[in-house]
Amino acid sequence: MSVKRIQPGFVLILLLVFVFSMSFYKMSGGTVRGTVTPPEAGLRAFLFSGKDTVAGNIVNGAFQFSNIAAGSYKLLVEAAPPYRNGTKEGIVVTEGAFTDAGQLELQK
């Protein structure tokens, strides 16, 4: 039984085709990011819009959502006790853009 080796040139060509094709790939939706203070108070962040809900973890007081459909959203941050949950309305997401939700300060 004979095993044929793949030529390094062939692998390079495949890699170049892949990289070239990815340069035309357009990411759909936008990105939302923000922070929570105090950093240890935030557990999870949620974006609500109509029937859509997106959830994500808060790490070191920061959150980020990617590939979010364009539109207006409400942000809810789930807080660790003794802090209370926080909300922010009017988070506007634009196709292909970054939206800064700013800093949400959680209260006790």
Protein backbone atom coordinates (compact mmCIF):
# COMPACT_ATOMS: atom_id res chain seq x y z
CA MET A 1 0.00 0.00 0.00
CA SER A 2 1.43 3.35 -1.01
CA VAL A 3 0.82 6.57 0.94
CA LYS A 4 1.13 9.82 -0.99
CA ARG A 5 2.48 12.89 0.76
CA ILE A 6 0.83 16.26 0.40
CA GLN A 7 3.19 18.76 -1.16
CA PRO A 8 3.97 21.89 0.94
CA GLY A 9 3.24 24.09 -2.09
CA PHE A 10 -0.29 22.70 -2.30
CA VAL A 11 -0.92 23.47 1.37
CA LEU A 12 0.38 27.01 0.86
CA ILE A 13 -1.97 27.55 -2.09
CA LEU A 14 -4.94 26.30 -0.06
CA LEU A 15 -4.01 28.62 2.79
CA LEU A 16 -3.71 31.63 0.47
CA VAL A 17 -7.10 30.88 -1.12
CA PHE A 18 -8.68 30.67 2.32
CA VAL A 19 -7.12 33.95 3.52
CA PHE A 20 -8.07 35.70 0.28
CA SER A 21 -11.69 34.51 0.48
CA MET A 22 -11.97 35.60 4.13
CA SER A 23 -10.93 39.13 3.17
CA PHE A 24 -14.28 39.47 1.38
CA TYR A 25 -16.26 38.13 4.34
CA LYS A 26 -18.39 40.83 5.92
CA MET A 27 -19.32 40.39 9.55
CA SER A 28 -23.04 40.82 9.99
CA GLY A 29 -24.46 42.97 12.74
CA GLY A 30 -22.68 45.28 15.12
CA THR A 31 -20.79 45.04 18.39
CA VAL A 32 -21.88 46.39 21.78
CA ARG A 33 -19.45 46.80 24.62
CA GLY A 34 -19.46 48.48 28.00
CA THR A 35 -18.37 48.31 31.61
CA VAL A 36 -19.90 47.87 35.05
CA THR A 37 -18.80 49.47 38.31
CA PRO A 38 -17.85 48.16 40.73
CA PRO A 39 -16.28 45.44 38.54
CA GLU A 40 -17.02 42.60 40.99
CA ALA A 41 -20.74 43.48 41.13
CA GLY A 42 -21.66 42.49 37.57
CA LEU A 43 -22.51 38.85 36.82
CA ARG A 44 -24.18 38.76 33.40
CA ALA A 45 -25.37 41.27 30.81
CA PHE A 46 -28.47 40.97 28.61
CA LEU A 47 -29.64 42.86 25.53
CA PHE A 48 -33.38 42.92 24.80
CA SER A 49 -35.09 44.04 21.58
CA GLY A 50 -38.59 42.87 20.74
CA LYS A 51 -38.37 39.07 20.73
CA ASP A 52 -34.54 38.99 20.67
CA THR A 53 -32.53 38.40 23.83
CA VAL A 54 -28.76 38.05 23.96
CA ALA A 55 -26.85 37.14 27.14
CA GLY A 56 -23.17 37.25 28.03
CA ASN A 57 -20.86 37.08 31.01
CA ILE A 58 -19.21 40.09 32.59
CA VAL A 59 -15.47 39.60 33.04
CA ASN A 60 -13.47 42.04 35.15
CA GLY A 61 -16.31 44.54 34.89
CA ALA A 62 -16.50 44.45 31.08
CA PHE A 63 -18.93 42.90 28.60
CA GLN A 64 -19.10 42.65 24.83
CA PHE A 65 -21.69 41.32 22.40
CA SER A 66 -20.79 40.62 18.74
CA ASN A 67 -22.91 40.04 15.63
CA ILE A 68 -25.90 41.93 17.06
CA ALA A 69 -28.61 42.84 14.55
CA ALA A 70 -29.06 46.55 13.91
CA GLY A 71 -31.74 48.17 16.07
CA SER A 72 -32.49 49.64 19.48
CA TYR A 73 -31.89 47.56 22.61
CA LYS A 74 -32.35 47.66 26.37
CA LEU A 75 -29.38 46.58 28.48
CA LEU A 76 -29.90 44.69 31.76
CA VAL A 77 -26.99 43.87 34.05
CA GLU A 78 -27.56 41.11 36.61
CA ALA A 79 -25.80 42.07 39.84
CA ALA A 80 -24.29 40.05 42.67
CA PRO A 81 -25.78 40.74 46.13
CA PRO A 82 -25.84 43.18 47.84
CA TYR A 83 -25.99 45.17 44.57
CA ARG A 84 -29.19 45.70 42.56
CA ASN A 85 -29.64 44.90 38.88
CA GLY A 86 -29.11 47.85 36.56
CA THR A 87 -30.68 48.83 33.24
CA LYS A 88 -29.97 51.22 30.40
CA GLU A 89 -32.36 51.97 27.54
CA GLY A 90 -31.69 53.18 24.02
CA ILE A 91 -28.60 51.18 23.09
CA VAL A 92 -28.55 51.71 19.32
CA VAL A 93 -26.68 49.11 17.26
CA THR A 94 -25.55 49.94 13.72
CA GLU A 95 -24.57 47.33 11.13
CA GLY A 96 -20.79 46.83 11.06
CA ALA A 97 -20.09 49.37 13.85
CA PHE A 98 -19.06 49.39 17.51
CA THR A 99 -21.55 50.76 20.03
CA ASP A 100 -20.24 51.92 23.39
CA ALA A 101 -22.90 51.25 26.03
CA GLY A 102 -20.81 53.25 28.45
CA GLN A 103 -20.39 52.52 32.13
CA LEU A 104 -23.27 51.27 34.25
CA GLU A 105 -22.88 51.94 37.97
CA LEU A 106 -24.63 49.34 40.12
CA GLN A 107 -26.17 50.51 43.40
CA LYS A 108 -26.52 48.68 46.71
